[in-house]
Amino acid sequence: MNKIKKILNMEQSRFILVGIMNTIIGALAMLIAYNVFHLGYWISSAMDYIIGSIFSYFANKHFTFKSKKNSVVEIIRFIINIVICYLISYSIAKPVMIWLLKDLEITVELLEQVSIFFGMGIFVILNYFGQKYFVFYKPE
């Protein structure tokens, strides 16, 4: 049982490391698109998401989950996983934060920013399990 916990912890550590690198790469792409190429908010933030997701797919495939499959199905599953995790996370985050913070007098902007960070946390957890058990699943 201890060996299983060590393996899970190592895999989770690799997933977190990829997430940190993904965040840095995506943010750099977004800032360059916005500040150097003046592509605007939506296109620049989309660049963050697109480039970050591409990096995340390959890094998690080879480094985190060590998947040997070469299939279009895996890529489609990755895209489905990202979209579902995003929709669930951000559909839950704002209503929960509205409910939790209803007695505080805060601006809508602050509420939305707190909701975004809360949604990010939900996304990371769902995304890990989605990638582990749906995208890069290895029957043992």
C-alpha atoms as a PDB file:
ATOM      1  CA  MET A   1       0.000   0.000   0.000  1.00  0.00           C
ATOM      2  CA  ASN A   2       2.859   2.414   0.745  1.00  0.00           C
ATOM      3  CA  LYS A   3       4.318   1.792  -2.724  1.00  0.00           C
ATOM      4  CA  ILE A   4       1.007   2.771  -4.308  1.00  0.00           C
ATOM      5  CA  LYS A   5       0.880   5.986  -2.277  1.00  0.00           C
ATOM      6  CA  LYS A   6       4.450   6.838  -3.329  1.00  0.00           C
ATOM      7  CA  ILE A   7       3.611   6.255  -6.986  1.00  0.00           C
ATOM      8  CA  LEU A   8       0.486   8.397  -6.745  1.00  0.00           C
ATOM      9  CA  ASN A   9       2.409  11.149  -5.012  1.00  0.00           C
ATOM     10  CA  MET A  10       5.129  11.090  -7.662  1.00  0.00           C
ATOM     11  CA  GLU A  11       2.557  11.248 -10.453  1.00  0.00           C
ATOM     12  CA  GLN A  12       0.701  14.046  -8.702  1.00  0.00           C
ATOM     13  CA  SER A  13       3.970  15.914  -8.220  1.00  0.00           C
ATOM     14  CA  ARG A  14       4.729  15.600 -11.931  1.00  0.00           C
ATOM     15  CA  PHE A  15       1.210  16.818 -12.757  1.00  0.00           C
ATOM     16  CA  ILE A  16       1.696  19.881 -10.527  1.00  0.00           C
ATOM     17  CA  LEU A  17       5.102  20.583 -12.108  1.00  0.00           C
ATOM     18  CA  VAL A  18       3.578  20.402 -15.598  1.00  0.00           C
ATOM     19  CA  GLY A  19       0.797  22.711 -14.397  1.00  0.00           C
ATOM     20  CA  ILE A  20       3.308  25.287 -13.177  1.00  0.00           C
ATOM     21  CA  MET A  21       5.243  25.118 -16.450  1.00  0.00           C
ATOM     22  CA  ASN A  22       1.974  25.256 -18.402  1.00  0.00           C
ATOM     23  CA  THR A  23       0.965  28.406 -16.524  1.00  0.00           C
ATOM     24  CA  ILE A  24       4.294  30.109 -17.226  1.00  0.00           C
ATOM     25  CA  ILE A  25       4.304  29.158 -20.927  1.00  0.00           C
ATOM     26  CA  GLY A  26       0.659  30.147 -21.424  1.00  0.00           C
ATOM     27  CA  ALA A  27       1.081  33.448 -19.581  1.00  0.00           C
ATOM     28  CA  LEU A  28       4.167  34.320 -21.631  1.00  0.00           C
ATOM     29  CA  ALA A  29       2.309  33.538 -24.856  1.00  0.00           C
ATOM     30  CA  MET A  30      -0.602  35.702 -23.724  1.00  0.00           C
ATOM     31  CA  LEU A  31       1.599  38.626 -22.676  1.00  0.00           C
ATOM     32  CA  ILE A  32       3.593  38.510 -25.907  1.00  0.00           C
ATOM     33  CA  ALA A  33       0.425  38.316 -28.012  1.00  0.00           C
ATOM     34  CA  TYR A  34      -1.117  41.211 -26.089  1.00  0.00           C
ATOM     35  CA  ASN A  35       1.882  43.509 -25.593  1.00  0.00           C
ATOM     36  CA  VAL A  36       4.056  42.789 -28.633  1.00  0.00           C
ATOM     37  CA  PHE A  37       1.529  41.873 -31.316  1.00  0.00           C
ATOM     38  CA  HIS A  38      -1.365  43.945 -29.844  1.00  0.00           C
ATOM     39  CA  LEU A  39      -3.877  41.170 -30.531  1.00  0.00           C
ATOM     40  CA  GLY A  40      -6.323  42.273 -27.836  1.00  0.00           C
ATOM     41  CA  TYR A  41      -7.731  40.621 -24.726  1.00  0.00           C
ATOM     42  CA  TRP A  42      -9.746  37.758 -26.228  1.00  0.00           C
ATOM     43  CA  ILE A  43      -7.236  36.603 -28.824  1.00  0.00           C
ATOM     44  CA  SER A  44      -4.341  36.963 -26.400  1.00  0.00           C
ATOM     45  CA  SER A  45      -6.097  35.001 -23.659  1.00  0.00           C
ATOM     46  CA  ALA A  46      -7.096  32.368 -26.245  1.00  0.00           C
ATOM     47  CA  MET A  47      -3.406  32.031 -27.129  1.00  0.00           C
ATOM     48  CA  ASP A  48      -2.737  31.302 -23.458  1.00  0.00           C
ATOM     49  CA  TYR A  49      -5.360  28.559 -23.456  1.00  0.00           C
ATOM     50  CA  ILE A  50      -4.371  27.035 -26.821  1.00  0.00           C
ATOM     51  CA  ILE A  51      -0.599  27.033 -26.319  1.00  0.00           C
ATOM     52  CA  GLY A  52      -0.943  25.976 -22.681  1.00  0.00           C
ATOM     53  CA  SER A  53      -3.230  23.088 -23.628  1.00  0.00           C
ATOM     54  CA  ILE A  54      -0.887  21.867 -26.365  1.00  0.00           C
ATOM     55  CA  PHE A  55       2.059  21.913 -23.964  1.00  0.00           C
ATOM     56  CA  SER A  56      -0.043  20.281 -21.250  1.00  0.00           C
ATOM     57  CA  TYR A  57      -1.124  17.446 -23.556  1.00  0.00           C
ATOM     58  CA  PHE A  58       2.398  16.453 -24.560  1.00  0.00           C
ATOM     59  CA  ALA A  59       3.965  17.003 -21.137  1.00  0.00           C
ATOM     60  CA  ASN A  60       1.284  15.043 -19.305  1.00  0.00           C
ATOM     61  CA  LYS A  61       1.231  12.326 -21.974  1.00  0.00           C
ATOM     62  CA  HIS A  62       4.981  11.688 -21.872  1.00  0.00           C
ATOM     63  CA  PHE A  63       6.132  12.974 -18.473  1.00  0.00           C
ATOM     64  CA  THR A  64       3.233  12.669 -16.041  1.00  0.00           C
ATOM     65  CA  PHE A  65       1.284   9.626 -17.204  1.00  0.00           C
ATOM     66  CA  LYS A  66       3.922   8.066 -19.509  1.00  0.00           C
ATOM     67  CA  SER A  67       1.363   7.080 -22.119  1.00  0.00           C
ATOM     68  CA  LYS A  68       2.722   5.103 -25.064  1.00  0.00           C
ATOM     69  CA  LYS A  69      -0.457   5.342 -27.167  1.00  0.00           C
ATOM     70  CA  ASN A  70      -0.344   7.261 -30.412  1.00  0.00           C
ATOM     71  CA  SER A  71      -3.940   7.926 -31.286  1.00  0.00           C
ATOM     72  CA  VAL A  72      -6.326  10.588 -32.405  1.00  0.00           C
ATOM     73  CA  VAL A  73      -8.742   9.202 -29.798  1.00  0.00           C
ATOM     74  CA  GLU A  74      -6.370  10.300 -27.029  1.00  0.00           C
ATOM     75  CA  ILE A  75      -6.235  13.841 -28.415  1.00  0.00           C
ATOM     76  CA  ILE A  76     -10.023  13.990 -28.767  1.00  0.00           C
ATOM     77  CA  ARG A  77     -10.394  12.720 -25.197  1.00  0.00           C
ATOM     78  CA  PHE A  78      -7.943  15.396 -24.010  1.00  0.00           C
ATOM     79  CA  ILE A  79      -9.980  18.145 -25.682  1.00  0.00           C
ATOM     80  CA  ILE A  80     -13.248  16.737 -24.305  1.00  0.00           C
ATOM     81  CA  ASN A  81     -11.704  16.524 -20.833  1.00  0.00           C
ATOM     82  CA  ILE A  82     -10.472  20.130 -20.924  1.00  0.00           C
ATOM     83  CA  VAL A  83     -13.841  21.450 -22.117  1.00  0.00           C
ATOM     84  CA  ILE A  84     -15.859  19.438 -19.572  1.00  0.00           C
ATOM     85  CA  CYS A  85     -13.541  20.362 -16.688  1.00  0.00           C
ATOM     86  CA  TYR A  86     -13.733  24.021 -17.691  1.00  0.00           C
ATOM     87  CA  LEU A  87     -17.526  24.058 -17.955  1.00  0.00           C
ATOM     88  CA  ILE A  88     -18.049  22.218 -14.655  1.00  0.00           C
ATOM     89  CA  SER A  89     -15.439  24.247 -12.766  1.00  0.00           C
ATOM     90  CA  TYR A  90     -16.607  27.668 -13.783  1.00  0.00           C
ATOM     91  CA  SER A  91     -20.301  26.751 -13.595  1.00  0.00           C
ATOM     92  CA  ILE A  92     -19.787  25.761  -9.970  1.00  0.00           C
ATOM     93  CA  ALA A  93     -17.267  28.410  -8.892  1.00  0.00           C
ATOM     94  CA  LYS A  94     -19.272  31.620  -9.221  1.00  0.00           C
ATOM     95  CA  PRO A  95     -22.519  30.407  -7.605  1.00  0.00           C
ATOM     96  CA  VAL A  96     -20.553  28.891  -4.705  1.00  0.00           C
ATOM     97  CA  MET A  97     -18.614  32.127  -4.174  1.00  0.00           C
ATOM     98  CA  ILE A  98     -21.816  34.189  -4.371  1.00  0.00           C
ATOM     99  CA  TRP A  99     -23.324  31.950  -1.699  1.00  0.00           C
ATOM    100  CA  LEU A 100     -20.199  31.944   0.514  1.00  0.00           C
ATOM    101  CA  LEU A 101     -19.557  35.682   0.239  1.00  0.00           C
ATOM    102  CA  LYS A 102     -23.164  36.913   0.195  1.00  0.00           C
ATOM    103  CA  ASP A 103     -22.869  38.674   3.551  1.00  0.00           C
ATOM    104  CA  LEU A 104     -19.735  40.607   2.587  1.00  0.00           C
ATOM    105  CA  GLU A 105     -19.940  43.915   0.821  1.00  0.00           C
ATOM    106  CA  ILE A 106     -17.574  43.307  -2.074  1.00  0.00           C
ATOM    107  CA  THR A 107     -17.614  44.516  -5.628  1.00  0.00           C
ATOM    108  CA  VAL A 108     -18.740  42.335  -8.509  1.00  0.00           C
ATOM    109  CA  GLU A 109     -15.203  42.545  -9.913  1.00  0.00           C
ATOM    110  CA  LEU A 110     -13.689  41.151  -6.696  1.00  0.00           C
ATOM    111  CA  LEU A 111     -16.338  38.440  -6.493  1.00  0.00           C
ATOM    112  CA  GLU A 112     -15.592  37.396 -10.070  1.00  0.00           C
ATOM    113  CA  GLN A 113     -11.848  37.352  -9.472  1.00  0.00           C
ATOM    114  CA  VAL A 114     -12.246  35.191  -6.360  1.00  0.00           C
ATOM    115  CA  SER A 115     -14.566  32.941  -8.374  1.00  0.00           C
ATOM    116  CA  ILE A 116     -11.968  32.619 -11.121  1.00  0.00           C
ATOM    117  CA  PHE A 117      -9.318  31.453  -8.640  1.00  0.00           C
ATOM    118  CA  PHE A 118     -11.767  29.058  -6.993  1.00  0.00           C
ATOM    119  CA  GLY A 119     -12.691  27.739 -10.449  1.00  0.00           C
ATOM    120  CA  MET A 120      -9.010  27.212 -11.228  1.00  0.00           C
ATOM    121  CA  GLY A 121      -8.705  25.009  -8.157  1.00  0.00           C
ATOM    122  CA  ILE A 122     -11.723  22.932  -9.138  1.00  0.00           C
ATOM    123  CA  PHE A 123     -10.384  22.694 -12.692  1.00  0.00           C
ATOM    124  CA  VAL A 124      -6.985  21.380 -11.589  1.00  0.00           C
ATOM    125  CA  ILE A 125      -8.549  18.606  -9.500  1.00  0.00           C
ATOM    126  CA  LEU A 126     -11.059  17.550 -12.175  1.00  0.00           C
ATOM    127  CA  ASN A 127      -8.445  17.801 -14.912  1.00  0.00           C
ATOM    128  CA  TYR A 128      -6.020  15.531 -13.046  1.00  0.00           C
ATOM    129  CA  PHE A 129      -8.600  12.775 -12.622  1.00  0.00           C
ATOM    130  CA  GLY A 130      -9.920  13.264 -16.151  1.00  0.00           C
ATOM    131  CA  GLN A 131      -6.459  12.902 -17.635  1.00  0.00           C
ATOM    132  CA  LYS A 132      -5.558   9.973 -15.381  1.00  0.00           C
ATOM    133  CA  TYR A 133      -8.759   7.944 -15.841  1.00  0.00           C
ATOM    134  CA  PHE A 134     -10.095   9.120 -19.199  1.00  0.00           C
ATOM    135  CA  VAL A 135      -7.398  10.592 -21.441  1.00  0.00           C
ATOM    136  CA  PHE A 136      -4.290   8.588 -20.527  1.00  0.00           C
ATOM    137  CA  TYR A 137      -5.979   5.639 -18.807  1.00  0.00           C
ATOM    138  CA  LYS A 138      -3.823   2.513 -18.513  1.00  0.00           C
ATOM    139  CA  PRO A 139      -5.633  -0.639 -17.364  1.00  0.00           C
ATOM    140  CA  GLU A 140      -3.492  -2.474 -14.855  1.00  0.00           C
END
